[in-house]
């Protein structure tokens, strides 16, 4: 008969590693991420407004 409780396994998964210092291009990456986020939010708002206008005024 096997025990009711499994023995504890050694944890496997992603490990946190000390990464190298971010290069100077990381400023551009952050700026680009912010620009893409603004574009996505704008597209979502415009799309939502288009759906509402179509539903209520058509």
PDB file of N, CA and C in Angstrom:
ATOM      1  N   UNK A   1       0.842  -1.171   0.000  1.00  0.00           N
ATOM      2  CA  UNK A   1       0.000   0.000   0.000  1.00  0.00           C
ATOM      3  C   UNK A   1       0.891   1.239   0.000  1.00  0.00           C
ATOM      4  N   UNK A   2       0.503   2.250  -0.824  1.00  0.00           N
ATOM      5  CA  UNK A   2       1.304   3.464  -0.926  1.00  0.00           C
ATOM      6  C   UNK A   2       0.885   4.451   0.153  1.00  0.00           C
ATOM      7  N   UNK A   3       1.805   5.307   0.570  1.00  0.00           N
ATOM      8  CA  UNK A   3       1.448   6.308   1.579  1.00  0.00           C
ATOM      9  C   UNK A   3       0.430   7.303   1.021  1.00  0.00           C
ATOM     10  N   UNK A   4      -0.405   7.847   1.906  1.00  0.00           N
ATOM     11  CA  UNK A   4      -1.460   8.760   1.498  1.00  0.00           C
ATOM     12  C   UNK A   4      -0.893  10.124   1.077  1.00  0.00           C
ATOM     13  N   UNK A   5       0.266  10.474   1.593  1.00  0.00           N
ATOM     14  CA  UNK A   5       0.860  11.765   1.289  1.00  0.00           C
ATOM     15  C   UNK A   5       2.095  11.532   0.432  1.00  0.00           C
ATOM     16  N   UNK A   6       2.184  12.268  -0.658  1.00  0.00           N
ATOM     17  CA  UNK A   6       3.356  12.132  -1.525  1.00  0.00           C
ATOM     18  C   UNK A   6       4.567  12.778  -0.860  1.00  0.00           C
ATOM     19  N   UNK A   7       5.705  12.216  -1.085  1.00  0.00           N
ATOM     20  CA  UNK A   7       6.904  12.861  -0.542  1.00  0.00           C
ATOM     21  C   UNK A   7       7.159  14.182  -1.274  1.00  0.00           C
ATOM     22  N   UNK A   8       7.723  15.124  -0.562  1.00  0.00           N
ATOM     23  CA  UNK A   8       7.971  16.443  -1.134  1.00  0.00           C
ATOM     24  C   UNK A   8       8.974  16.336  -2.272  1.00  0.00           C
ATOM     25  N   UNK A   9       8.622  16.937  -3.405  1.00  0.00           N
ATOM     26  CA  UNK A   9       9.529  16.935  -4.542  1.00  0.00           C
ATOM     27  C   UNK A   9      10.382  18.185  -4.504  1.00  0.00           C
ATOM     28  N   UNK A  10      11.501  18.079  -5.117  1.00  0.00           N
ATOM     29  CA  UNK A  10      12.344  19.248  -5.259  1.00  0.00           C
ATOM     30  C   UNK A  10      11.686  20.186  -6.262  1.00  0.00           C
ATOM     31  N   UNK A  11      11.599  21.449  -5.930  1.00  0.00           N
ATOM     32  CA  UNK A  11      10.904  22.408  -6.781  1.00  0.00           C
ATOM     33  C   UNK A  11      11.654  22.588  -8.093  1.00  0.00           C
ATOM     34  N   UNK A  12      10.898  22.505  -9.175  1.00  0.00           N
ATOM     35  CA  UNK A  12      11.479  22.736 -10.489  1.00  0.00           C
ATOM     36  C   UNK A  12      10.701  23.842 -11.158  1.00  0.00           C
ATOM     37  N   UNK A  13      11.388  24.670 -11.870  1.00  0.00           N
ATOM     38  CA  UNK A  13      10.723  25.765 -12.551  1.00  0.00           C
ATOM     39  C   UNK A  13      11.699  26.876 -12.835  1.00  0.00           C
ATOM     40  N   UNK A  14      11.145  28.020 -13.145  1.00  0.00           N
ATOM     41  CA  UNK A  14      11.987  29.153 -13.497  1.00  0.00           C
ATOM     42  C   UNK A  14      12.794  29.596 -12.285  1.00  0.00           C
ATOM     43  N   UNK A  15      14.036  29.871 -12.523  1.00  0.00           N
ATOM     44  CA  UNK A  15      14.898  30.363 -11.460  1.00  0.00           C
ATOM     45  C   UNK A  15      15.218  31.817 -11.726  1.00  0.00           C
ATOM     46  N   UNK A  16      15.301  32.584 -10.691  1.00  0.00           N
ATOM     47  CA  UNK A  16      15.656  33.985 -10.834  1.00  0.00           C
ATOM     48  C   UNK A  16      17.163  34.082 -10.964  1.00  0.00           C
ATOM     49  N   UNK A  17      17.581  34.780 -11.978  1.00  0.00           N
ATOM     50  CA  UNK A  17      19.009  34.946 -12.201  1.00  0.00           C
ATOM     51  C   UNK A  17      19.341  36.418 -12.214  1.00  0.00           C
ATOM     52  N   UNK A  18      20.520  36.717 -11.785  1.00  0.00           N
ATOM     53  CA  UNK A  18      20.991  38.092 -11.818  1.00  0.00           C
ATOM     54  C   UNK A  18      21.356  38.419 -13.256  1.00  0.00           C
ATOM     55  N   UNK A  19      20.588  39.298 -13.876  1.00  0.00           N
ATOM     56  CA  UNK A  19      20.838  39.654 -15.262  1.00  0.00           C
ATOM     57  C   UNK A  19      21.885  40.738 -15.380  1.00  0.00           C
ATOM     58  N   UNK A  20      22.395  40.901 -16.572  1.00  0.00           N
ATOM     59  CA  UNK A  20      23.365  41.983 -16.770  1.00  0.00           C
ATOM     60  C   UNK A  20      22.681  43.342 -16.690  1.00  0.00           C
ATOM     61  N   UNK A  21      23.462  44.355 -16.511  1.00  0.00           N
ATOM     62  CA  UNK A  21      22.922  45.712 -16.438  1.00  0.00           C
ATOM     63  C   UNK A  21      22.309  46.051 -17.786  1.00  0.00           C
ATOM     64  N   UNK A  22      21.125  46.677 -17.767  1.00  0.00           N
ATOM     65  CA  UNK A  22      20.401  46.977 -18.995  1.00  0.00           C
ATOM     66  C   UNK A  22      21.206  47.930 -19.873  1.00  0.00           C
ATOM     67  N   UNK A  23      21.266  47.649 -21.161  1.00  0.00           N
ATOM     68  CA  UNK A  23      22.002  48.540 -22.056  1.00  0.00           C
ATOM     69  C   UNK A  23      21.258  49.859 -22.269  1.00  0.00           C
ATOM     70  N   UNK A  24      21.912  50.795 -22.922  1.00  0.00           N
ATOM     71  CA  UNK A  24      21.327  52.121 -23.138  1.00  0.00           C
ATOM     72  C   UNK A  24      20.081  52.051 -24.009  1.00  0.00           C
ATOM     73  N   UNK A  25      19.930  50.995 -24.820  1.00  0.00           N
ATOM     74  CA  UNK A  25      18.763  50.887 -25.692  1.00  0.00           C
ATOM     75  C   UNK A  25      17.488  50.588 -24.913  1.00  0.00           C
ATOM     76  N   UNK A  26      17.619  50.308 -23.624  1.00  0.00           N
ATOM     77  CA  UNK A  26      16.423  50.002 -22.840  1.00  0.00           C
ATOM     78  C   UNK A  26      15.520  51.234 -22.724  1.00  0.00           C
ATOM     79  N   UNK A  27      16.080  52.435 -22.821  1.00  0.00           N
ATOM     80  CA  UNK A  27      15.244  53.644 -22.813  1.00  0.00           C
ATOM     81  C   UNK A  27      14.324  53.635 -24.026  1.00  0.00           C
ATOM     82  N   UNK A  28      14.888  53.291 -25.168  1.00  0.00           N
ATOM     83  CA  UNK A  28      14.084  53.223 -26.391  1.00  0.00           C
ATOM     84  C   UNK A  28      13.023  52.145 -26.253  1.00  0.00           C
ATOM     85  N   UNK A  29      13.378  51.018 -25.654  1.00  0.00           N
ATOM     86  CA  UNK A  29      12.410  49.932 -25.470  1.00  0.00           C
ATOM     87  C   UNK A  29      11.251  50.380 -24.584  1.00  0.00           C
ATOM     88  N   UNK A  30      11.553  51.081 -23.516  1.00  0.00           N
ATOM     89  CA  UNK A  30      10.487  51.561 -22.638  1.00  0.00           C
ATOM     90  C   UNK A  30       9.602  52.567 -23.355  1.00  0.00           C
ATOM     91  N   UNK A  31      10.221  53.445 -24.144  1.00  0.00           N
ATOM     92  CA  UNK A  31       9.463  54.428 -24.908  1.00  0.00           C
ATOM     93  C   UNK A  31       8.574  53.732 -25.931  1.00  0.00           C
ATOM     94  N   UNK A  32       9.120  52.721 -26.599  1.00  0.00           N
ATOM     95  CA  UNK A  32       8.345  51.984 -27.595  1.00  0.00           C
ATOM     96  C   UNK A  32       7.205  51.203 -26.929  1.00  0.00           C
ATOM     97  N   UNK A  33       7.459  50.599 -25.780  1.00  0.00           N
ATOM     98  CA  UNK A  33       6.402  49.892 -25.045  1.00  0.00           C
ATOM     99  C   UNK A  33       5.273  50.846 -24.667  1.00  0.00           C
ATOM    100  N   UNK A  34       5.637  52.031 -24.209  1.00  0.00           N
ATOM    101  CA  UNK A  34       4.622  53.015 -23.838  1.00  0.00           C
ATOM    102  C   UNK A  34       3.818  53.447 -25.059  1.00  0.00           C
ATOM    103  N   UNK A  35       4.497  53.647 -26.189  1.00  0.00           N
ATOM    104  CA  UNK A  35       3.819  54.042 -27.419  1.00  0.00           C
ATOM    105  C   UNK A  35       2.845  52.968 -27.887  1.00  0.00           C
ATOM    106  N   UNK A  36       3.266  51.716 -27.829  1.00  0.00           N
ATOM    107  CA  UNK A  36       2.396  50.615 -28.236  1.00  0.00           C
ATOM    108  C   UNK A  36       1.207  50.499 -27.289  1.00  0.00           C
ATOM    109  N   UNK A  37       1.427  50.672 -26.002  1.00  0.00           N
ATOM    110  CA  UNK A  37       0.326  50.612 -25.045  1.00  0.00           C
ATOM    111  C   UNK A  37      -0.696  51.706 -25.315  1.00  0.00           C
ATOM    112  N   UNK A  38      -0.222  52.914 -25.592  1.00  0.00           N
ATOM    113  CA  UNK A  38      -1.140  54.014 -25.894  1.00  0.00           C
ATOM    114  C   UNK A  38      -1.924  53.718 -27.166  1.00  0.00           C
ATOM    115  N   UNK A  39      -1.244  53.160 -28.179  1.00  0.00           N
ATOM    116  CA  UNK A  39      -1.920  52.826 -29.437  1.00  0.00           C
ATOM    117  C   UNK A  39      -2.991  51.762 -29.222  1.00  0.00           C
ATOM    118  N   UNK A  40      -2.702  50.767 -28.399  1.00  0.00           N
ATOM    119  CA  UNK A  40      -3.680  49.698 -28.143  1.00  0.00           C
ATOM    120  C   UNK A  40      -4.884  50.243 -27.389  1.00  0.00           C
ATOM    121  N   UNK A  41      -4.647  51.072 -26.389  1.00  0.00           N
ATOM    122  CA  UNK A  41      -5.756  51.654 -25.626  1.00  0.00           C
ATOM    123  C   UNK A  41      -6.603  52.541 -26.534  1.00  0.00           C
ATOM    124  N   UNK A  42      -5.949  53.339 -27.367  1.00  0.00           N
ATOM    125  CA  UNK A  42      -6.688  54.202 -28.290  1.00  0.00           C
ATOM    126  C   UNK A  42      -7.527  53.384 -29.262  1.00  0.00           C
ATOM    127  N   UNK A  43      -6.951  52.323 -29.818  1.00  0.00           N
ATOM    128  CA  UNK A  43      -7.697  51.476 -30.748  1.00  0.00           C
ATOM    129  C   UNK A  43      -8.873  50.799 -30.054  1.00  0.00           C
ATOM    130  N   UNK A  44      -8.693  50.394 -28.816  1.00  0.00           N
ATOM    131  CA  UNK A  44      -9.782  49.761 -28.078  1.00  0.00           C
ATOM    132  C   UNK A  44     -10.916  50.748 -27.821  1.00  0.00           C
ATOM    133  N   UNK A  45     -10.577  51.967 -27.421  1.00  0.00           N
ATOM    134  CA  UNK A  45     -11.603  52.977 -27.162  1.00  0.00           C
ATOM    135  C   UNK A  45     -12.341  53.329 -28.453  1.00  0.00           C
ATOM    136  N   UNK A  46     -11.593  53.535 -29.540  1.00  0.00           N
ATOM    137  CA  UNK A  46     -12.227  53.875 -30.809  1.00  0.00           C
ATOM    138  C   UNK A  46     -13.113  52.732 -31.295  1.00  0.00           C
ATOM    139  N   UNK A  47     -12.638  51.521 -31.174  1.00  0.00           N
ATOM    140  CA  UNK A  47     -13.442  50.360 -31.577  1.00  0.00           C
ATOM    141  C   UNK A  47     -14.702  50.225 -30.738  1.00  0.00           C
ATOM    142  N   UNK A  48     -14.568  50.436 -29.431  1.00  0.00           N
ATOM    143  CA  UNK A  48     -15.742  50.371 -28.557  1.00  0.00           C
ATOM    144  C   UNK A  48     -16.759  51.448 -28.885  1.00  0.00           C
ATOM    145  N   UNK A  49     -16.269  52.645 -29.163  1.00  0.00           N
ATOM    146  CA  UNK A  49     -17.183  53.724 -29.548  1.00  0.00           C
ATOM    147  C   UNK A  49     -17.865  53.411 -30.878  1.00  0.00           C
ATOM    148  N   UNK A  50     -17.141  52.824 -31.807  1.00  0.00           N
ATOM    149  CA  UNK A  50     -17.733  52.463 -33.102  1.00  0.00           C
ATOM    150  C   UNK A  50     -18.836  51.426 -32.924  1.00  0.00           C
ATOM    151  N   UNK A  51     -18.619  50.466 -32.040  1.00  0.00           N
ATOM    152  CA  UNK A  51     -19.650  49.452 -31.776  1.00  0.00           C
ATOM    153  C   UNK A  51     -20.881  50.108 -31.160  1.00  0.00           C
ATOM    154  N   UNK A  52     -20.681  50.993 -30.194  1.00  0.00           N
ATOM    155  CA  UNK A  52     -21.802  51.663 -29.547  1.00  0.00           C
ATOM    156  C   UNK A  52     -22.574  52.528 -30.530  1.00  0.00           C
ATOM    157  N   UNK A  53     -21.865  53.263 -31.362  1.00  0.00           N
ATOM    158  CA  UNK A  53     -22.542  54.112 -32.359  1.00  0.00           C
ATOM    159  C   UNK A  53     -23.327  53.243 -33.339  1.00  0.00           C
ATOM    160  N   UNK A  54     -22.745  52.139 -33.744  1.00  0.00           N
ATOM    161  CA  UNK A  54     -23.426  51.244 -34.668  1.00  0.00           C
ATOM    162  C   UNK A  54     -24.686  50.648 -34.036  1.00  0.00           C
ATOM    163  N   UNK A  55     -24.593  50.266 -32.771  1.00  0.00           N
ATOM    164  CA  UNK A  55     -25.737  49.642 -32.112  1.00  0.00           C
ATOM    165  C   UNK A  55     -26.857  50.641 -31.834  1.00  0.00           C
ATOM    166  N   UNK A  56     -26.532  51.855 -31.418  1.00  0.00           N
ATOM    167  CA  UNK A  56     -27.567  52.801 -31.004  1.00  0.00           C
ATOM    168  C   UNK A  56     -28.111  53.668 -32.126  1.00  0.00           C
ATOM    169  N   UNK A  57     -27.326  53.945 -33.147  1.00  0.00           N
ATOM    170  CA  UNK A  57     -27.753  54.893 -34.169  1.00  0.00           C
ATOM    171  C   UNK A  57     -27.960  54.255 -35.529  1.00  0.00           C
ATOM    172  N   UNK A  58     -28.022  52.977 -35.615  1.00  0.00           N
ATOM    173  CA  UNK A  58     -28.240  52.335 -36.905  1.00  0.00           C
ATOM    174  C   UNK A  58     -29.655  51.822 -37.010  1.00  0.00           C
TER     175      UNK A  58
END
